Amino acid sequence: MVYRVLIGIDYWDNYESQRSTNYFCLPMIKFKKILFFLYLLLITFLSLLPSRDLPDIKLFMHADKVIHLCMYAGFTFLLLWAWPQKFTGIRQLIPLLAIIIWGFLMEAIQGLTHAGRTFDLTDELANILGFLPGWVVWKIVEKLETR
């Protein structure tokens, strides 16, 4: 029970009936949304950072693609987690559309600015592929929250 309270599971159970009596519900909802927007700012900042400001560390071949995938998996998870009631049924694909648009916008801006970054279609593909692991993690968390 303590675990359920700490991660906020009980606050989503019967949201409408608990809204007036559970003073933690509203802050948890706001926290998730604020967390998503802070994460979006982080992605934007990292995407538009000039290449000279990025560390030149060679982890392994195509490590940057794995980083893109992970960043947009987080984007997907946080978006679905912050607004679970908005993304039911086929609408669970809306974050995929958001990833396509936001990722393309970030890549296009990189191509337009002369900060040592270029438009890279494989980065956009990695962004799009990030949807699947983010969605899977959200489905797992959603199941845990409904227990």
N, C-alpha and C. Protein backbone atom coordinates (compact mmCIF):
# COMPACT_ATOMS: atom_id res chain seq x y z
N MET A 1 0.81 -1.19 0.00
CA MET A 1 0.00 0.00 0.00
C MET A 1 0.86 1.26 0.00
N VAL A 2 1.92 1.26 0.81
CA VAL A 2 2.79 2.44 0.86
C VAL A 2 3.39 2.70 -0.51
N TYR A 3 3.81 1.64 -1.22
CA TYR A 3 4.37 1.79 -2.56
C TYR A 3 3.36 2.45 -3.48
N ARG A 4 2.11 2.02 -3.43
CA ARG A 4 1.07 2.58 -4.28
C ARG A 4 0.87 4.07 -3.99
N VAL A 5 0.93 4.45 -2.74
CA VAL A 5 0.76 5.86 -2.38
C VAL A 5 1.95 6.69 -2.84
N LEU A 6 3.17 6.15 -2.67
CA LEU A 6 4.36 6.90 -3.04
C LEU A 6 4.43 7.21 -4.53
N ILE A 7 4.01 6.26 -5.37
CA ILE A 7 4.09 6.52 -6.81
C ILE A 7 2.79 7.08 -7.38
N GLY A 8 1.79 7.28 -6.54
CA GLY A 8 0.59 7.97 -6.97
C GLY A 8 -0.47 7.10 -7.59
N ILE A 9 -0.38 5.78 -7.45
CA ILE A 9 -1.36 4.90 -8.08
C ILE A 9 -2.76 5.16 -7.54
N ASP A 10 -2.87 5.25 -6.22
CA ASP A 10 -4.19 5.42 -5.63
C ASP A 10 -4.86 6.72 -6.03
N TYR A 11 -4.09 7.69 -6.45
CA TYR A 11 -4.66 8.97 -6.81
C TYR A 11 -5.40 8.94 -8.14
N TRP A 12 -5.13 7.95 -8.96
CA TRP A 12 -5.80 7.85 -10.25
C TRP A 12 -7.06 6.99 -10.16
N ASP A 13 -7.17 6.15 -9.12
CA ASP A 13 -8.34 5.30 -8.95
C ASP A 13 -9.55 6.18 -8.68
N ASN A 14 -10.56 6.03 -9.47
CA ASN A 14 -11.80 6.80 -9.29
C ASN A 14 -11.51 8.29 -9.13
N TYR A 15 -10.84 8.84 -10.11
CA TYR A 15 -10.38 10.23 -10.05
C TYR A 15 -11.51 11.20 -9.69
N GLU A 16 -12.64 11.06 -10.34
CA GLU A 16 -13.73 12.01 -10.10
C GLU A 16 -14.23 11.95 -8.66
N SER A 17 -14.34 10.75 -8.10
CA SER A 17 -14.86 10.66 -6.73
C SER A 17 -13.84 11.11 -5.70
N GLN A 18 -12.56 11.00 -6.03
CA GLN A 18 -11.51 11.38 -5.09
C GLN A 18 -11.09 12.84 -5.23
N ARG A 19 -11.47 13.47 -6.31
CA ARG A 19 -10.98 14.81 -6.60
C ARG A 19 -11.22 15.77 -5.44
N SER A 20 -12.37 15.71 -4.85
CA SER A 20 -12.67 16.67 -3.79
C SER A 20 -12.06 16.27 -2.45
N THR A 21 -11.77 14.97 -2.25
CA THR A 21 -11.27 14.53 -0.95
C THR A 21 -9.77 14.24 -0.95
N ASN A 22 -9.18 14.05 -2.10
CA ASN A 22 -7.77 13.67 -2.14
C ASN A 22 -6.93 14.87 -2.56
N TYR A 23 -6.26 15.47 -1.61
CA TYR A 23 -5.50 16.68 -1.90
C TYR A 23 -4.20 16.41 -2.64
N PHE A 24 -3.82 15.15 -2.83
CA PHE A 24 -2.61 14.83 -3.58
C PHE A 24 -2.89 14.67 -5.07
N CYS A 25 -4.12 14.47 -5.44
CA CYS A 25 -4.47 14.16 -6.82
C CYS A 25 -4.08 15.29 -7.77
N LEU A 26 -4.51 16.48 -7.51
CA LEU A 26 -4.22 17.61 -8.39
C LEU A 26 -2.73 17.88 -8.50
N PRO A 27 -1.98 17.90 -7.39
CA PRO A 27 -0.54 18.12 -7.52
C PRO A 27 0.15 17.03 -8.36
N MET A 28 -0.30 15.78 -8.25
CA MET A 28 0.31 14.70 -9.03
C MET A 28 0.05 14.91 -10.52
N ILE A 29 -1.16 15.30 -10.86
CA ILE A 29 -1.50 15.56 -12.26
C ILE A 29 -0.66 16.71 -12.79
N LYS A 30 -0.55 17.78 -12.03
CA LYS A 30 0.26 18.93 -12.45
C LYS A 30 1.73 18.55 -12.56
N PHE A 31 2.21 17.74 -11.62
CA PHE A 31 3.60 17.29 -11.63
C PHE A 31 3.93 16.57 -12.94
N LYS A 32 3.07 15.68 -13.36
CA LYS A 32 3.31 14.92 -14.59
C LYS A 32 3.37 15.85 -15.81
N LYS A 33 2.49 16.80 -15.86
CA LYS A 33 2.45 17.73 -16.99
C LYS A 33 3.67 18.65 -16.98
N ILE A 34 4.02 19.15 -15.81
CA ILE A 34 5.21 20.00 -15.70
C ILE A 34 6.46 19.21 -16.09
N LEU A 35 6.52 17.96 -15.63
CA LEU A 35 7.66 17.10 -15.97
C LEU A 35 7.77 16.91 -17.48
N PHE A 36 6.64 16.70 -18.15
CA PHE A 36 6.66 16.56 -19.61
C PHE A 36 7.21 17.82 -20.27
N PHE A 37 6.73 18.99 -19.88
CA PHE A 37 7.18 20.23 -20.52
C PHE A 37 8.64 20.53 -20.21
N LEU A 38 9.10 20.20 -19.02
CA LEU A 38 10.53 20.35 -18.71
C LEU A 38 11.37 19.42 -19.59
N TYR A 39 10.89 18.21 -19.79
CA TYR A 39 11.59 17.25 -20.64
C TYR A 39 11.60 17.74 -22.10
N LEU A 40 10.50 18.31 -22.54
CA LEU A 40 10.44 18.86 -23.89
C LEU A 40 11.44 20.00 -24.05
N LEU A 41 11.56 20.83 -23.04
CA LEU A 41 12.57 21.90 -23.07
C LEU A 41 13.99 21.32 -23.13
N LEU A 42 14.23 20.25 -22.38
CA LEU A 42 15.54 19.60 -22.40
C LEU A 42 15.86 19.05 -23.79
N ILE A 43 14.90 18.36 -24.40
CA ILE A 43 15.10 17.85 -25.76
C ILE A 43 15.40 18.99 -26.73
N THR A 44 14.63 20.05 -26.61
CA THR A 44 14.81 21.20 -27.49
C THR A 44 16.20 21.81 -27.30
N PHE A 45 16.59 22.01 -26.06
CA PHE A 45 17.90 22.58 -25.75
C PHE A 45 19.02 21.71 -26.31
N LEU A 46 18.96 20.41 -26.06
CA LEU A 46 20.01 19.51 -26.54
C LEU A 46 20.03 19.41 -28.07
N SER A 47 18.85 19.47 -28.68
CA SER A 47 18.77 19.38 -30.14
C SER A 47 19.34 20.62 -30.82
N LEU A 48 19.22 21.76 -30.18
CA LEU A 48 19.66 23.01 -30.81
C LEU A 48 21.01 23.50 -30.30
N LEU A 49 21.63 22.74 -29.44
CA LEU A 49 22.95 23.08 -28.92
C LEU A 49 23.97 23.01 -30.07
N PRO A 50 24.81 24.02 -30.22
CA PRO A 50 25.84 23.97 -31.28
C PRO A 50 26.75 22.75 -31.09
N SER A 51 27.23 22.21 -32.19
CA SER A 51 28.04 20.99 -32.13
C SER A 51 29.33 21.20 -31.33
N ARG A 52 29.84 22.41 -31.32
CA ARG A 52 31.08 22.67 -30.56
C ARG A 52 30.84 22.53 -29.06
N ASP A 53 29.59 22.65 -28.62
CA ASP A 53 29.26 22.52 -27.20
C ASP A 53 28.92 21.09 -26.79
N LEU A 54 28.86 20.20 -27.75
CA LEU A 54 28.57 18.80 -27.45
C LEU A 54 29.86 18.05 -27.16
N PRO A 55 29.84 17.11 -26.23
CA PRO A 55 31.05 16.33 -25.96
C PRO A 55 31.41 15.45 -27.16
N ASP A 56 32.68 15.32 -27.43
CA ASP A 56 33.14 14.51 -28.56
C ASP A 56 33.62 13.15 -28.03
N ILE A 57 32.65 12.38 -27.56
CA ILE A 57 32.95 11.07 -26.98
C ILE A 57 32.41 10.00 -27.92
N LYS A 58 33.24 9.09 -28.31
CA LYS A 58 32.82 7.98 -29.18
C LYS A 58 32.50 6.78 -28.30
N LEU A 59 31.22 6.55 -28.03
CA LEU A 59 30.82 5.41 -27.20
C LEU A 59 30.85 4.12 -28.02
N PHE A 60 30.12 4.12 -29.10
CA PHE A 60 30.09 3.01 -30.04
C PHE A 60 29.47 3.53 -31.33
N MET A 61 29.53 2.75 -32.36
CA MET A 61 29.02 3.17 -33.66
C MET A 61 27.51 3.46 -33.56
N HIS A 62 27.10 4.58 -34.04
CA HIS A 62 25.70 5.03 -34.06
C HIS A 62 25.13 5.26 -32.66
N ALA A 63 25.95 5.59 -31.71
CA ALA A 63 25.48 5.88 -30.34
C ALA A 63 24.51 7.05 -30.35
N ASP A 64 24.74 8.02 -31.23
CA ASP A 64 23.84 9.17 -31.28
C ASP A 64 22.42 8.76 -31.67
N LYS A 65 22.28 7.72 -32.48
CA LYS A 65 20.95 7.25 -32.87
C LYS A 65 20.24 6.61 -31.67
N VAL A 66 21.00 5.87 -30.86
CA VAL A 66 20.43 5.26 -29.65
C VAL A 66 20.00 6.36 -28.68
N ILE A 67 20.78 7.42 -28.61
CA ILE A 67 20.43 8.55 -27.74
C ILE A 67 19.14 9.21 -28.23
N HIS A 68 19.01 9.40 -29.54
CA HIS A 68 17.78 9.97 -30.10
C HIS A 68 16.59 9.07 -29.76
N LEU A 69 16.75 7.77 -29.96
CA LEU A 69 15.68 6.82 -29.67
C LEU A 69 15.26 6.92 -28.20
N CYS A 70 16.23 6.94 -27.30
CA CYS A 70 15.93 7.02 -25.86
C CYS A 70 15.26 8.35 -25.49
N MET A 71 15.74 9.44 -26.07
CA MET A 71 15.15 10.75 -25.76
C MET A 71 13.67 10.79 -26.17
N TYR A 72 13.36 10.25 -27.33
CA TYR A 72 11.98 10.30 -27.80
C TYR A 72 11.12 9.19 -27.20
N ALA A 73 11.74 8.14 -26.67
CA ALA A 73 10.99 7.16 -25.87
C ALA A 73 10.51 7.85 -24.59
N GLY A 74 11.39 8.64 -23.99
CA GLY A 74 11.00 9.42 -22.81
C GLY A 74 9.91 10.42 -23.14
N PHE A 75 10.02 11.07 -24.28
CA PHE A 75 8.99 12.02 -24.75
C PHE A 75 7.64 11.32 -24.83
N THR A 76 7.62 10.14 -25.46
CA THR A 76 6.37 9.38 -25.62
C THR A 76 5.80 9.00 -24.27
N PHE A 77 6.64 8.41 -23.42
CA PHE A 77 6.17 7.96 -22.11
C PHE A 77 5.59 9.12 -21.31
N LEU A 78 6.32 10.21 -21.21
CA LEU A 78 5.87 11.33 -20.39
C LEU A 78 4.60 11.97 -20.95
N LEU A 79 4.47 12.02 -22.26
CA LEU A 79 3.26 12.59 -22.86
C LEU A 79 2.05 11.71 -22.54
N LEU A 80 2.20 10.41 -22.71
CA LEU A 80 1.09 9.49 -22.42
C LEU A 80 0.78 9.45 -20.92
N TRP A 81 1.80 9.53 -20.09
CA TRP A 81 1.63 9.46 -18.64
C TRP A 81 0.97 10.74 -18.10
N ALA A 82 1.28 11.87 -18.70
CA ALA A 82 0.73 13.14 -18.23
C ALA A 82 -0.74 13.31 -18.60
N TRP A 83 -1.16 12.76 -19.72
CA TRP A 83 -2.53 12.89 -20.18
C TRP A 83 -3.11 11.53 -20.56
N PRO A 84 -3.22 10.59 -19.63
CA PRO A 84 -3.68 9.24 -19.99
C PRO A 84 -5.10 9.21 -20.54
N GLN A 85 -5.97 10.06 -20.06
CA GLN A 85 -7.35 10.07 -20.51
C GLN A 85 -7.49 10.59 -21.94
N LYS A 86 -6.51 11.31 -22.43
CA LYS A 86 -6.55 11.85 -23.79
C LYS A 86 -6.11 10.84 -24.85
N PHE A 87 -5.34 9.84 -24.42
CA PHE A 87 -4.73 8.91 -25.37
C PHE A 87 -5.24 7.49 -25.16
N THR A 88 -6.50 7.28 -25.49
CA THR A 88 -7.09 5.95 -25.40
C THR A 88 -7.39 5.46 -26.81
N GLY A 89 -7.39 4.15 -26.97
CA GLY A 89 -7.69 3.56 -28.27
C GLY A 89 -6.69 4.00 -29.33
N ILE A 90 -7.20 4.35 -30.48
CA ILE A 90 -6.35 4.74 -31.61
C ILE A 90 -5.61 6.05 -31.32
N ARG A 91 -6.13 6.85 -30.39
CA ARG A 91 -5.49 8.13 -30.05
C ARG A 91 -4.13 7.93 -29.38
N GLN A 92 -3.78 6.69 -29.03
CA GLN A 92 -2.46 6.41 -28.48
C GLN A 92 -1.36 6.67 -29.53
N LEU A 93 -1.77 6.81 -30.78
CA LEU A 93 -0.81 7.10 -31.85
C LEU A 93 -0.54 8.60 -32.01
N ILE A 94 -1.29 9.43 -31.32
CA ILE A 94 -1.07 10.88 -31.41
C ILE A 94 0.36 11.25 -31.01
N PRO A 95 0.92 10.67 -29.94
CA PRO A 95 2.31 10.99 -29.61
C PRO A 95 3.29 10.63 -30.75
N LEU A 96 2.97 9.62 -31.54
CA LEU A 96 3.81 9.31 -32.70
C LEU A 96 3.80 10.47 -33.67
N LEU A 97 2.65 11.03 -33.92
CA LEU A 97 2.55 12.21 -34.79
C LEU A 97 3.32 13.38 -34.18
N ALA A 98 3.21 13.56 -32.87
CA ALA A 98 3.94 14.63 -32.19
C ALA A 98 5.44 14.45 -32.33
N ILE A 99 5.91 13.21 -32.23
CA ILE A 99 7.34 12.92 -32.39
C ILE A 99 7.79 13.23 -33.80
N ILE A 100 7.01 12.83 -34.78
CA ILE A 100 7.36 13.09 -36.18
C ILE A 100 7.48 14.59 -36.41
N ILE A 101 6.50 15.34 -35.93
CA ILE A 101 6.50 16.79 -36.15
C ILE A 101 7.62 17.47 -35.36
N TRP A 102 7.72 17.17 -34.06
CA TRP A 102 8.73 17.85 -33.22
C TRP A 102 10.14 17.47 -33.66
N GLY A 103 10.36 16.18 -33.91
CA GLY A 103 11.68 15.72 -34.35
C GLY A 103 12.08 16.35 -35.68
N PHE A 104 11.12 16.41 -36.61
CA PHE A 104 11.40 17.03 -37.91
C PHE A 104 11.71 18.52 -37.74
N LEU A 105 10.94 19.17 -36.88
CA LEU A 105 11.18 20.59 -36.62
C LEU A 105 12.58 20.82 -36.04
N MET A 106 12.98 19.99 -35.09
CA MET A 106 14.32 20.12 -34.50
C MET A 106 15.40 19.89 -35.55
N GLU A 107 15.22 18.87 -36.38
CA GLU A 107 16.20 18.58 -37.43
C GLU A 107 16.24 19.71 -38.47
N ALA A 108 15.07 20.24 -38.83
CA ALA A 108 15.03 21.34 -39.81
C ALA A 108 15.73 22.58 -39.26
N ILE A 109 15.50 22.89 -38.01
CA ILE A 109 16.16 24.06 -37.40
C ILE A 109 17.67 23.84 -37.36
N GLN A 110 18.09 22.61 -37.06
CA GLN A 110 19.52 22.30 -37.08
C GLN A 110 20.10 22.56 -38.48
N GLY A 111 19.33 22.19 -39.50
CA GLY A 111 19.80 22.39 -40.87
C GLY A 111 19.84 23.85 -41.28
N LEU A 112 18.96 24.66 -40.70
CA LEU A 112 18.90 26.07 -41.06
C LEU A 112 19.92 26.92 -40.32
N THR A 113 20.21 26.54 -39.09
CA THR A 113 21.21 27.31 -38.32
C THR A 113 22.60 26.85 -38.74
N HIS A 114 23.52 27.69 -38.56
CA HIS A 114 24.89 27.36 -38.93
C HIS A 114 25.73 27.17 -37.67
N ALA A 115 25.28 26.22 -36.85
CA ALA A 115 25.94 25.96 -35.57
C ALA A 115 26.67 24.62 -35.60
N GLY A 116 27.01 24.16 -36.80
CA GLY A 116 27.73 22.90 -36.91
C GLY A 116 26.84 21.67 -36.88
N ARG A 117 25.54 21.86 -36.89
CA ARG A 117 24.59 20.75 -36.90
C ARG A 117 23.91 20.73 -38.26
N THR A 118 23.51 19.55 -38.68
CA THR A 118 22.85 19.41 -39.98
C THR A 118 21.58 18.59 -39.84
N PHE A 119 20.70 18.73 -40.83
CA PHE A 119 19.50 17.91 -40.89
C PHE A 119 19.94 16.48 -41.18
N ASP A 120 19.48 15.54 -40.38
CA ASP A 120 19.85 14.14 -40.56
C ASP A 120 18.59 13.29 -40.50
N LEU A 121 18.21 12.71 -41.63
CA LEU A 121 17.01 11.91 -41.70
C LEU A 121 17.09 10.66 -40.82
N THR A 122 18.30 10.13 -40.63
CA THR A 122 18.42 8.95 -39.76
C THR A 122 18.19 9.32 -38.29
N ASP A 123 18.48 10.56 -37.91
CA ASP A 123 18.13 11.02 -36.56
C ASP A 123 16.62 11.05 -36.40
N GLU A 124 15.93 11.54 -37.43
CA GLU A 124 14.47 11.59 -37.39
C GLU A 124 13.89 10.17 -37.32
N LEU A 125 14.48 9.24 -38.04
CA LEU A 125 14.03 7.85 -37.98
C LEU A 125 14.22 7.28 -36.57
N ALA A 126 15.35 7.58 -35.95
CA ALA A 126 15.61 7.14 -34.58
C ALA A 126 14.59 7.76 -33.61
N ASN A 127 14.26 9.02 -33.84
CA ASN A 127 13.23 9.68 -33.03
C ASN A 127 11.91 8.93 -33.13
N ILE A 128 11.52 8.61 -34.35
CA ILE A 128 10.25 7.92 -34.59
C ILE A 128 10.27 6.53 -33.95
N LEU A 129 11.37 5.83 -34.07
CA LEU A 129 11.48 4.49 -33.47
C LEU A 129 11.41 4.56 -31.94
N GLY A 130 11.72 5.71 -31.36
CA GLY A 130 11.63 5.88 -29.92
C GLY A 130 10.20 5.79 -29.40
N PHE A 131 9.23 5.94 -30.28
CA PHE A 131 7.84 5.84 -29.87
C PHE A 131 7.54 4.48 -29.25
N LEU A 132 8.00 3.42 -29.87
CA LEU A 132 7.63 2.07 -29.43
C LEU A 132 8.08 1.75 -28.01
N PRO A 133 9.36 1.92 -27.66
CA PRO A 133 9.72 1.62 -26.27
C PRO A 133 9.03 2.55 -25.26
N GLY A 134 8.81 3.79 -25.62
CA GLY A 134 8.10 4.71 -24.73
C GLY A 134 6.67 4.27 -24.50
N TRP A 135 6.01 3.80 -25.56
CA TRP A 135 4.64 3.33 -25.47
C TRP A 135 4.57 2.05 -24.64
N VAL A 136 5.53 1.14 -24.84
CA VAL A 136 5.55 -0.12 -24.09
C VAL A 136 5.73 0.16 -22.59
N VAL A 137 6.65 1.04 -22.24
CA VAL A 137 6.86 1.37 -20.83
C VAL A 137 5.61 2.01 -20.25
N TRP A 138 4.94 2.87 -21.02
CA TRP A 138 3.72 3.48 -20.53
C TRP A 138 2.64 2.44 -20.29
N LYS A 139 2.50 1.46 -21.19
CA LYS A 139 1.51 0.40 -21.01
C LYS A 139 1.79 -0.39 -19.73
N ILE A 140 3.05 -0.64 -19.45
CA ILE A 140 3.43 -1.36 -18.22
C ILE A 140 3.07 -0.53 -17.00
N VAL A 141 3.43 0.75 -17.02
CA VAL A 141 3.13 1.64 -15.89
C VAL A 141 1.61 1.78 -15.73
N GLU A 142 0.90 1.89 -16.83
CA GLU A 142 -0.55 2.00 -16.79
C GLU A 142 -1.17 0.78 -16.10
N LYS A 143 -0.66 -0.40 -16.42
CA LYS A 143 -1.16 -1.63 -15.77
C LYS A 143 -0.85 -1.61 -14.27
N LEU A 144 0.36 -1.15 -13.92
CA LEU A 144 0.73 -1.08 -12.51
C LEU A 144 -0.13 -0.07 -11.75
N GLU A 145 -0.44 1.04 -12.40
CA GLU A 145 -1.23 2.07 -11.75
C GLU A 145 -2.68 1.66 -11.56
N THR A 146 -3.18 0.75 -12.37
CA THR A 146 -4.58 0.34 -12.26
C THR A 146 -4.75 -0.86 -11.33
N ARG A 147 -3.69 -1.38 -10.78
CA ARG A 147 -3.81 -2.50 -9.82
C ARG A 147 -4.43 -2.04 -8.55
